[in-house]
N, C-alpha and C. Protein backbone atom coordinates (compact mmCIF):
# COMPACT_ATOMS: atom_id res chain seq x y z
N MET A 1 72.51 55.12 92.60
CA MET A 1 72.41 56.49 92.13
C MET A 1 73.08 57.40 93.17
N LEU A 2 73.87 58.35 92.69
CA LEU A 2 74.58 59.26 93.58
C LEU A 2 73.70 60.46 93.92
N PRO A 3 73.68 60.86 95.17
CA PRO A 3 72.91 62.07 95.52
C PRO A 3 73.65 63.31 95.03
N LEU A 4 72.92 64.23 94.46
CA LEU A 4 73.52 65.45 93.92
C LEU A 4 73.49 66.60 94.92
N ALA A 5 72.80 66.42 96.02
CA ALA A 5 72.72 67.48 97.03
C ALA A 5 73.89 67.37 97.99
N VAL A 6 74.45 68.50 98.33
CA VAL A 6 75.55 68.56 99.27
C VAL A 6 75.12 69.45 100.42
N ALA A 7 75.31 69.00 101.63
CA ALA A 7 74.95 69.80 102.80
C ALA A 7 75.99 70.90 102.99
N VAL A 8 75.53 72.12 102.95
CA VAL A 8 76.41 73.27 103.13
C VAL A 8 75.89 74.08 104.31
N SER A 9 76.80 74.47 105.15
CA SER A 9 76.43 75.23 106.33
C SER A 9 75.98 76.64 105.92
N PRO A 10 74.89 77.14 106.48
CA PRO A 10 74.46 78.52 106.19
C PRO A 10 75.49 79.56 106.62
N VAL A 11 76.27 79.23 107.65
CA VAL A 11 77.31 80.16 108.10
C VAL A 11 78.38 80.31 107.01
N LEU A 12 78.77 79.20 106.41
CA LEU A 12 79.78 79.28 105.35
C LEU A 12 79.24 80.00 104.12
N CYS A 13 77.96 79.83 103.84
CA CYS A 13 77.34 80.58 102.74
C CYS A 13 77.34 82.07 103.04
N ALA A 14 77.08 82.43 104.28
CA ALA A 14 77.11 83.84 104.68
C ALA A 14 78.53 84.39 104.56
N PHE A 15 79.53 83.59 104.94
CA PHE A 15 80.92 84.01 104.78
C PHE A 15 81.23 84.29 103.31
N GLY A 16 80.78 83.42 102.44
CA GLY A 16 81.01 83.61 101.01
C GLY A 16 80.31 84.85 100.48
N ALA A 17 79.10 85.11 100.96
CA ALA A 17 78.37 86.30 100.52
C ALA A 17 79.07 87.57 100.98
N VAL A 18 79.56 87.58 102.21
CA VAL A 18 80.27 88.76 102.71
C VAL A 18 81.56 88.97 101.93
N GLN A 19 82.25 87.89 101.61
CA GLN A 19 83.48 88.02 100.83
C GLN A 19 83.19 88.55 99.44
N PHE A 20 82.13 88.07 98.82
CA PHE A 20 81.76 88.56 97.50
C PHE A 20 81.41 90.05 97.55
N LEU A 21 80.66 90.46 98.56
CA LEU A 21 80.32 91.88 98.69
C LEU A 21 81.55 92.73 98.96
N GLY A 22 82.52 92.18 99.68
CA GLY A 22 83.77 92.89 99.90
C GLY A 22 84.54 93.10 98.60
N LEU A 23 84.56 92.08 97.75
CA LEU A 23 85.22 92.22 96.45
C LEU A 23 84.49 93.23 95.57
N VAL A 24 83.17 93.24 95.62
CA VAL A 24 82.39 94.22 94.86
C VAL A 24 82.68 95.63 95.36
N ALA A 25 82.79 95.80 96.68
CA ALA A 25 83.09 97.11 97.25
C ALA A 25 84.46 97.61 96.80
N ALA A 26 85.43 96.72 96.74
CA ALA A 26 86.76 97.11 96.26
C ALA A 26 86.71 97.49 94.78
N GLY A 27 85.94 96.75 94.00
CA GLY A 27 85.79 97.09 92.58
C GLY A 27 85.09 98.42 92.38
N VAL A 28 84.08 98.69 93.19
CA VAL A 28 83.37 99.97 93.10
C VAL A 28 84.32 101.12 93.45
N ALA A 29 85.15 100.93 94.46
CA ALA A 29 86.12 101.96 94.82
C ALA A 29 87.08 102.23 93.67
N ARG A 30 87.46 101.18 92.98
CA ARG A 30 88.37 101.34 91.85
C ARG A 30 87.68 102.04 90.67
N LEU A 31 86.43 101.67 90.43
CA LEU A 31 85.71 102.25 89.29
C LEU A 31 85.31 103.70 89.52
N THR A 32 85.13 104.11 90.77
CA THR A 32 84.73 105.50 91.04
C THR A 32 85.93 106.43 91.16
N GLU A 33 87.12 105.90 90.99
CA GLU A 33 88.32 106.71 91.10
C GLU A 33 88.31 107.81 90.03
N GLY A 34 88.47 109.05 90.47
CA GLY A 34 88.50 110.18 89.56
C GLY A 34 87.13 110.76 89.24
N THR A 35 86.07 110.22 89.83
CA THR A 35 84.73 110.75 89.62
C THR A 35 84.28 111.50 90.88
N ARG A 36 83.10 112.06 90.81
CA ARG A 36 82.58 112.78 91.97
C ARG A 36 82.13 111.83 93.07
N HIS A 37 82.07 110.55 92.78
CA HIS A 37 81.65 109.54 93.75
C HIS A 37 82.85 108.84 94.40
N GLU A 38 84.04 109.38 94.20
CA GLU A 38 85.26 108.72 94.67
C GLU A 38 85.28 108.56 96.19
N GLN A 39 84.89 109.59 96.92
CA GLN A 39 84.93 109.52 98.37
C GLN A 39 83.97 108.45 98.90
N GLY A 40 82.79 108.37 98.33
CA GLY A 40 81.84 107.34 98.74
C GLY A 40 82.35 105.94 98.45
N GLY A 41 82.99 105.77 97.30
CA GLY A 41 83.57 104.48 96.94
C GLY A 41 84.69 104.09 97.89
N GLN A 42 85.49 105.08 98.30
CA GLN A 42 86.57 104.79 99.23
C GLN A 42 86.04 104.40 100.60
N TRP A 43 85.01 105.08 101.06
CA TRP A 43 84.40 104.71 102.35
C TRP A 43 83.77 103.32 102.29
N LEU A 44 83.14 103.01 101.16
CA LEU A 44 82.55 101.68 100.99
C LEU A 44 83.63 100.61 101.02
N CYS A 45 84.74 100.87 100.36
CA CYS A 45 85.85 99.92 100.35
C CYS A 45 86.45 99.76 101.75
N LEU A 46 86.59 100.86 102.46
CA LEU A 46 87.12 100.79 103.82
C LEU A 46 86.20 99.97 104.72
N ALA A 47 84.90 100.16 104.58
CA ALA A 47 83.95 99.37 105.36
C ALA A 47 84.03 97.89 104.97
N GLY A 48 84.17 97.62 103.68
CA GLY A 48 84.32 96.24 103.23
C GLY A 48 85.59 95.59 103.75
N LEU A 49 86.70 96.35 103.76
CA LEU A 49 87.95 95.82 104.30
C LEU A 49 87.81 95.51 105.78
N ALA A 50 87.15 96.39 106.52
CA ALA A 50 86.95 96.15 107.95
C ALA A 50 86.06 94.93 108.18
N LEU A 51 85.03 94.79 107.37
CA LEU A 51 84.11 93.67 107.53
C LEU A 51 84.79 92.33 107.21
N VAL A 52 85.51 92.29 106.11
CA VAL A 52 86.20 91.05 105.74
C VAL A 52 87.36 90.78 106.70
N GLY A 53 88.01 91.82 107.20
CA GLY A 53 89.07 91.63 108.19
C GLY A 53 88.55 91.03 109.48
N SER A 54 87.41 91.51 109.94
CA SER A 54 86.83 90.93 111.14
C SER A 54 86.30 89.52 110.88
N LEU A 55 85.87 89.29 109.65
CA LEU A 55 85.42 87.95 109.27
C LEU A 55 86.58 86.96 109.33
N CYS A 56 87.79 87.42 109.00
CA CYS A 56 88.97 86.55 109.09
C CYS A 56 89.18 86.07 110.52
N GLY A 57 88.98 86.96 111.48
CA GLY A 57 89.12 86.56 112.88
C GLY A 57 88.05 85.58 113.29
N ALA A 58 86.84 85.78 112.82
CA ALA A 58 85.74 84.88 113.17
C ALA A 58 85.86 83.53 112.47
N ALA A 59 86.54 83.51 111.33
CA ALA A 59 86.64 82.27 110.55
C ALA A 59 87.61 81.27 111.14
N ILE A 60 88.41 81.68 112.10
CA ILE A 60 89.41 80.77 112.68
C ILE A 60 88.73 79.54 113.30
N GLN A 61 87.58 79.74 113.90
CA GLN A 61 86.92 78.61 114.56
C GLN A 61 86.31 77.61 113.58
N PHE A 62 86.24 77.97 112.29
CA PHE A 62 85.67 77.06 111.29
C PHE A 62 86.72 76.29 110.52
N GLY A 63 87.99 76.48 110.87
CA GLY A 63 89.04 75.69 110.26
C GLY A 63 89.97 76.49 109.38
N PRO A 64 91.08 75.88 109.01
CA PRO A 64 92.09 76.60 108.23
C PRO A 64 91.65 76.93 106.81
N ASP A 65 90.80 76.11 106.21
CA ASP A 65 90.36 76.40 104.84
C ASP A 65 89.53 77.68 104.79
N THR A 66 88.62 77.82 105.72
CA THR A 66 87.77 79.02 105.76
C THR A 66 88.61 80.25 106.08
N THR A 67 89.55 80.11 107.00
CA THR A 67 90.41 81.23 107.37
C THR A 67 91.29 81.65 106.19
N ALA A 68 91.83 80.70 105.48
CA ALA A 68 92.68 81.00 104.33
C ALA A 68 91.88 81.69 103.22
N THR A 69 90.65 81.26 103.01
CA THR A 69 89.81 81.88 102.00
C THR A 69 89.53 83.34 102.35
N CYS A 70 89.24 83.60 103.62
CA CYS A 70 89.00 84.98 104.06
C CYS A 70 90.26 85.83 103.91
N ALA A 71 91.41 85.25 104.24
CA ALA A 71 92.66 86.00 104.14
C ALA A 71 92.99 86.32 102.68
N VAL A 72 92.76 85.37 101.80
CA VAL A 72 93.01 85.62 100.37
C VAL A 72 92.06 86.69 99.84
N THR A 73 90.81 86.64 100.26
CA THR A 73 89.85 87.67 99.84
C THR A 73 90.29 89.04 100.32
N LEU A 74 90.77 89.13 101.55
CA LEU A 74 91.25 90.40 102.09
C LEU A 74 92.45 90.91 101.30
N ALA A 75 93.37 90.01 100.95
CA ALA A 75 94.54 90.40 100.16
C ALA A 75 94.14 90.86 98.76
N VAL A 76 93.21 90.17 98.13
CA VAL A 76 92.77 90.56 96.79
C VAL A 76 92.04 91.90 96.83
N MET A 77 91.23 92.12 97.86
CA MET A 77 90.56 93.41 98.00
C MET A 77 91.57 94.54 98.12
N THR A 78 92.62 94.32 98.91
CA THR A 78 93.66 95.34 99.07
C THR A 78 94.36 95.60 97.75
N LEU A 79 94.66 94.54 97.00
CA LEU A 79 95.32 94.71 95.71
C LEU A 79 94.42 95.44 94.71
N ILE A 80 93.14 95.14 94.71
CA ILE A 80 92.21 95.82 93.81
C ILE A 80 92.20 97.31 94.10
N ALA A 81 92.18 97.66 95.37
CA ALA A 81 92.06 99.06 95.76
C ALA A 81 93.37 99.83 95.60
N VAL A 82 94.51 99.16 95.69
CA VAL A 82 95.78 99.88 95.77
C VAL A 82 96.60 99.82 94.48
N VAL A 83 96.70 98.66 93.87
CA VAL A 83 97.62 98.48 92.76
C VAL A 83 97.08 99.12 91.49
N ASP A 84 97.93 99.88 90.83
CA ASP A 84 97.57 100.52 89.58
C ASP A 84 98.25 99.75 88.45
N VAL A 85 97.47 99.00 87.69
CA VAL A 85 98.03 98.16 86.64
C VAL A 85 98.01 98.83 85.26
N ALA A 86 97.51 100.05 85.19
CA ALA A 86 97.45 100.75 83.91
C ALA A 86 98.87 101.14 83.49
N PRO A 87 99.19 100.99 82.23
CA PRO A 87 100.54 101.36 81.76
C PRO A 87 100.74 102.88 81.85
N ARG A 88 101.94 103.25 82.23
CA ARG A 88 102.29 104.68 82.33
C ARG A 88 102.65 105.21 80.95
N ARG A 89 102.28 106.42 80.69
CA ARG A 89 102.61 107.04 79.39
C ARG A 89 103.77 107.98 79.52
């Protein structure tokens, strides 16, 4: 019988949680655009970018896979906050 449990480091789980919260912060910044909460959303996104950016530096000691995941999350957060995909009229 194969064991279904996989040992996962709590540090890597924390990295994943921080990355998820960073993506949520970028989405909130995008959704609050044009509302009275826009400034708060932008500050939240900036804090998330700083947190995930510093996480990228800390992830180097855990190997290239963890570092690459953090870097991709940082790039996606930047794209969410900056790129306007709505069609122009």
